[in-house]
Amino acid sequence: MKEHANIPLSDFVEYPQEEMLQRANEYLANTKRRHSIRSFSDRPVPQDIIEACIKTAATAPSGANHQPWHFVAIHSQDVKKQIRHAAEELEQSFYEGRAGEEWLDALKPLGTDAQKPYLEHAPWLIAVFSQKKGGIQTEDKNTNYYVHESVGLATGFLIQALHNAGLATLTHTPKPMSFLTDICGRDRDNERPYMLLIAGYPADDATVPEHALVKKPFDDIATIL
């Protein structure tokens, strides 16, 4: 078997079990305050906060540690305007029938429609891209493995990091999302848009759909064997 280099695990922190449970419950309570919103303030958010959250996302596990992701943090008002225009054009056809009745019926309790003013109003958009080829070094061109799973994990880390920092978020996945590749100047042959995150402070009139607060009970989502 080929040898590989290792270093001692030196930064793991073990807590007493009572403290573990307390920390777990505190994290649960904090996470329950995370909501997807669609009304954002235009209050500025410093770039270094966004950068720290993206660095957190980049610590996520990935197939062969290839880290097959790229994050484009968008603050430019002109670029945000381009994204809103392209997204709303797609969303219009989506809501006019491309989605199908079942999908549209599923969305009705959330009150969504083709208008996406938050894409232009929020201080930051973060476009997440997945990469087919790459590796641990920037110049590598190897096959990436478990790309969808890896980028999904990193995106989850990013959402939680933004929430933990005190920002509200919204996930946005217009179909198709290829316009993001062009607007963000990414490699069309190697990268695919995975998700668009909106991040910022909630507007004073921000609301949360009651439907979004309904979560399945534990016994429906987990089995203890």
Protein backbone atom coordinates (compact mmCIF):
# COMPACT_ATOMS: atom_id res chain seq x y z
CA MET A 1 0.00 0.00 0.00
CA LYS A 2 1.28 3.43 -0.95
CA GLU A 3 2.26 5.54 2.02
CA HIS A 4 0.66 8.89 2.67
CA ALA A 5 1.66 11.68 5.00
CA ASN A 6 -0.18 12.28 8.26
CA ILE A 7 0.02 14.79 11.08
CA PRO A 8 -1.32 14.39 14.62
CA LEU A 9 -4.88 15.52 15.31
CA SER A 10 -4.09 18.44 17.59
CA ASP A 11 -7.10 20.77 17.42
CA PHE A 12 -9.95 18.44 18.43
CA VAL A 13 -11.71 19.66 21.58
CA GLU A 14 -13.56 17.15 23.76
CA TYR A 15 -16.33 18.43 26.02
CA PRO A 16 -18.01 16.78 29.00
CA GLN A 17 -21.20 15.05 27.87
CA GLU A 18 -23.46 17.49 29.71
CA GLU A 19 -21.77 20.35 27.91
CA MET A 20 -22.01 18.45 24.62
CA LEU A 21 -25.77 18.21 24.98
CA GLN A 22 -26.01 21.85 25.95
CA ARG A 23 -23.96 22.91 22.96
CA ALA A 24 -26.01 20.69 20.65
CA ASN A 25 -29.27 22.18 21.89
CA GLU A 26 -27.93 25.74 21.72
CA TYR A 27 -26.85 25.14 18.13
CA LEU A 28 -30.28 23.71 17.34
CA ALA A 29 -31.98 26.77 18.84
CA ASN A 30 -29.73 29.08 16.85
CA THR A 31 -30.32 27.16 13.64
CA LYS A 32 -34.09 27.31 14.14
CA ARG A 33 -33.79 31.09 13.80
CA ARG A 34 -32.46 30.69 10.26
CA HIS A 35 -35.18 31.52 7.74
CA SER A 36 -35.25 32.02 4.01
CA ILE A 37 -36.57 35.50 3.34
CA ARG A 38 -37.41 37.43 0.18
CA SER A 39 -37.26 40.99 1.41
CA PHE A 40 -33.77 42.33 2.02
CA SER A 41 -32.43 45.65 3.24
CA ASP A 42 -29.83 47.42 1.13
CA ARG A 43 -27.73 48.07 4.23
CA PRO A 44 -24.08 47.43 3.38
CA VAL A 45 -22.28 44.34 4.66
CA PRO A 46 -18.48 44.52 4.85
CA GLN A 47 -16.65 42.35 2.35
CA ASP A 48 -14.45 40.75 5.00
CA ILE A 49 -17.55 39.17 6.62
CA ILE A 50 -18.52 37.56 3.32
CA GLU A 51 -14.95 36.40 2.75
CA ALA A 52 -14.80 34.78 6.20
CA CYS A 53 -18.04 32.91 5.49
CA ILE A 54 -16.74 31.65 2.14
CA LYS A 55 -13.55 30.48 3.86
CA THR A 56 -15.76 28.52 6.25
CA ALA A 57 -17.58 26.94 3.29
CA ALA A 58 -14.23 25.89 1.85
CA THR A 59 -13.51 23.75 4.93
CA ALA A 60 -16.28 21.33 3.92
CA PRO A 61 -15.32 17.73 3.14
CA SER A 62 -15.03 16.85 -0.54
CA GLY A 63 -14.30 13.85 -2.72
CA ALA A 64 -10.55 13.14 -2.65
CA ASN A 65 -10.21 16.61 -1.08
CA HIS A 66 -10.39 18.12 -4.57
CA GLN A 67 -12.62 20.96 -3.34
CA PRO A 68 -14.58 21.16 -6.61
CA TRP A 69 -16.17 24.55 -6.02
CA HIS A 70 -15.78 28.21 -6.82
CA PHE A 71 -17.65 31.06 -5.14
CA VAL A 72 -18.29 34.37 -6.88
CA ALA A 73 -19.24 37.08 -4.37
CA ILE A 74 -21.13 39.80 -6.20
CA HIS A 75 -21.38 43.30 -4.80
CA SER A 76 -21.40 45.25 -8.07
CA GLN A 77 -24.77 46.90 -8.64
CA ASP A 78 -24.37 46.54 -12.40
CA VAL A 79 -23.70 42.80 -12.18
CA LYS A 80 -26.60 42.29 -9.76
CA LYS A 81 -28.87 44.13 -12.21
CA GLN A 82 -27.77 41.82 -15.03
CA ILE A 83 -28.47 38.76 -12.91
CA ARG A 84 -31.91 40.00 -11.90
CA HIS A 85 -32.86 40.71 -15.51
CA ALA A 86 -31.74 37.27 -16.71
CA ALA A 87 -33.31 35.44 -13.76
CA GLU A 88 -36.68 37.18 -14.03
CA GLU A 89 -36.84 36.44 -17.75
CA LEU A 90 -36.42 32.73 -16.99
CA GLU A 91 -38.76 32.82 -14.02
CA GLN A 92 -41.49 34.43 -16.11
CA SER A 93 -41.61 31.44 -18.44
CA PHE A 94 -41.38 29.14 -15.41
CA TYR A 95 -44.47 30.61 -13.78
CA GLU A 96 -46.31 30.85 -17.08
CA GLY A 97 -46.37 27.08 -17.43
CA ARG A 98 -42.89 25.65 -17.94
CA ALA A 99 -42.86 24.37 -14.36
CA GLY A 100 -46.05 22.35 -14.62
CA GLU A 101 -49.10 22.52 -12.37
CA GLU A 102 -47.83 20.20 -9.64
CA TRP A 103 -44.68 22.24 -9.09
CA LEU A 104 -46.55 25.53 -9.14
CA ASP A 105 -49.10 24.17 -6.66
CA ALA A 106 -46.25 23.17 -4.33
CA LEU A 107 -44.91 26.73 -4.43
CA LYS A 108 -48.22 28.50 -3.77
CA PRO A 109 -47.97 28.34 0.07
CA LEU A 110 -44.62 30.14 -0.16
CA GLY A 111 -46.02 33.01 -2.21
CA THR A 112 -43.22 33.04 -4.78
CA ASP A 113 -43.53 34.63 -8.22
CA ALA A 114 -41.39 35.73 -11.15
CA GLN A 115 -40.36 39.05 -9.58
CA LYS A 116 -36.98 38.88 -7.83
CA PRO A 117 -36.18 42.42 -6.64
CA TYR A 118 -33.93 41.07 -3.88
CA LEU A 119 -31.40 40.06 -6.54
CA GLU A 120 -30.71 43.73 -7.06
CA HIS A 121 -31.56 45.07 -3.61
CA ALA A 122 -29.54 42.80 -1.30
CA PRO A 123 -25.92 43.86 -0.72
CA TRP A 124 -24.42 40.51 -1.75
CA LEU A 125 -25.14 37.65 -4.12
CA ILE A 126 -22.91 34.58 -3.96
CA ALA A 127 -22.90 32.37 -7.04
CA VAL A 128 -21.72 28.83 -6.28
CA PHE A 129 -20.14 26.86 -9.12
CA SER A 130 -19.21 23.18 -9.30
CA GLN A 131 -16.13 22.02 -11.20
CA LYS A 132 -15.84 18.82 -13.25
CA LYS A 133 -12.04 18.89 -13.38
CA GLY A 134 -9.50 20.14 -10.89
CA GLY A 135 -7.62 18.94 -7.86
CA ILE A 136 -5.97 20.16 -4.71
CA GLN A 137 -3.69 22.48 -6.68
CA THR A 138 -5.14 25.31 -8.76
CA GLU A 139 -3.41 24.11 -11.92
CA ASP A 140 -4.59 20.48 -11.58
CA LYS A 141 -6.88 19.09 -14.30
CA ASN A 142 -7.87 15.78 -12.73
CA THR A 143 -11.35 14.33 -12.58
CA ASN A 144 -13.29 15.55 -9.55
CA TYR A 145 -15.29 12.98 -7.59
CA TYR A 146 -18.62 13.27 -5.77
CA VAL A 147 -18.93 16.77 -7.13
CA HIS A 148 -22.63 17.29 -6.41
CA GLU A 149 -22.32 15.96 -2.87
CA SER A 150 -19.17 17.99 -2.17
CA VAL A 151 -20.58 21.29 -3.41
CA GLY A 152 -23.84 20.63 -1.57
CA LEU A 153 -21.92 20.22 1.68
CA ALA A 154 -19.94 23.41 1.07
CA THR A 155 -23.11 25.34 0.27
CA GLY A 156 -24.67 24.15 3.53
CA PHE A 157 -21.59 25.28 5.41
CA LEU A 158 -21.86 28.67 3.70
CA ILE A 159 -25.53 29.13 4.59
CA GLN A 160 -24.84 28.32 8.22
CA ALA A 161 -21.77 30.57 8.32
CA LEU A 162 -23.77 33.51 6.99
CA HIS A 163 -26.52 32.85 9.54
CA ASN A 164 -24.01 32.53 12.35
CA ALA A 165 -22.48 35.87 11.32
CA GLY A 166 -25.89 37.52 11.67
CA LEU A 167 -27.06 37.67 8.07
CA ALA A 168 -30.24 36.45 6.40
CA THR A 169 -30.10 34.31 3.28
CA LEU A 170 -32.16 32.93 0.42
CA THR A 171 -31.32 30.09 -1.94
CA HIS A 172 -32.20 30.72 -5.56
CA THR A 173 -31.96 28.15 -8.34
CA PRO A 174 -33.42 29.43 -11.61
CA LYS A 175 -33.46 26.81 -14.38
CA PRO A 176 -31.36 26.87 -16.44
CA MET A 177 -28.65 28.84 -14.63
CA SER A 178 -26.15 29.04 -17.48
CA PHE A 179 -26.52 32.84 -17.60
CA LEU A 180 -24.57 32.96 -14.33
CA THR A 181 -21.58 31.37 -16.05
CA ASP A 182 -21.50 34.14 -18.65
CA ILE A 183 -22.23 37.06 -16.32
CA CYS A 184 -19.65 35.88 -13.78
CA GLY A 185 -17.04 35.14 -16.45
CA ARG A 186 -16.56 31.49 -15.50
CA ASP A 187 -15.29 28.55 -17.57
CA ARG A 188 -18.29 27.15 -19.43
CA ASP A 189 -16.45 23.90 -20.29
CA ASN A 190 -15.49 23.02 -16.72
CA GLU A 191 -17.92 24.76 -14.36
CA ARG A 192 -21.64 24.65 -13.80
CA PRO A 193 -23.72 27.03 -11.69
CA TYR A 194 -24.90 25.15 -8.63
CA MET A 195 -26.80 27.76 -6.64
CA LEU A 196 -27.23 31.48 -6.13
CA LEU A 197 -27.30 32.70 -2.52
CA ILE A 198 -28.70 36.07 -1.55
CA ALA A 199 -27.19 37.46 1.64
CA GLY A 200 -27.78 40.58 3.71
CA TYR A 201 -29.90 42.08 6.47
CA PRO A 202 -33.66 41.48 6.40
CA ALA A 203 -35.81 44.46 5.46
CA ASP A 204 -37.98 45.97 8.18
CA ASP A 205 -41.04 44.40 6.53
CA ALA A 206 -39.47 40.96 6.00
CA THR A 207 -41.79 38.02 6.60
CA VAL A 208 -41.56 34.24 6.78
CA PRO A 209 -44.26 32.07 5.17
CA GLU A 210 -46.08 30.00 7.80
CA HIS A 211 -45.72 27.04 5.44
CA ALA A 212 -41.93 27.25 5.75
CA LEU A 213 -42.13 26.83 9.53
CA VAL A 214 -43.72 23.40 9.27
CA LYS A 215 -40.98 20.83 9.86
CA LYS A 216 -41.42 17.07 9.90
CA PRO A 217 -41.25 15.43 13.34
CA PHE A 218 -38.08 13.61 14.33
CA ASP A 219 -39.56 10.13 13.88
CA ASP A 220 -40.39 10.96 10.26
CA ILE A 221 -36.88 12.08 9.36
CA ALA A 222 -34.68 9.77 11.45
CA THR A 223 -34.43 6.15 12.55
CA ILE A 224 -32.38 4.97 15.51
CA LEU A 225 -31.22 1.35 15.15
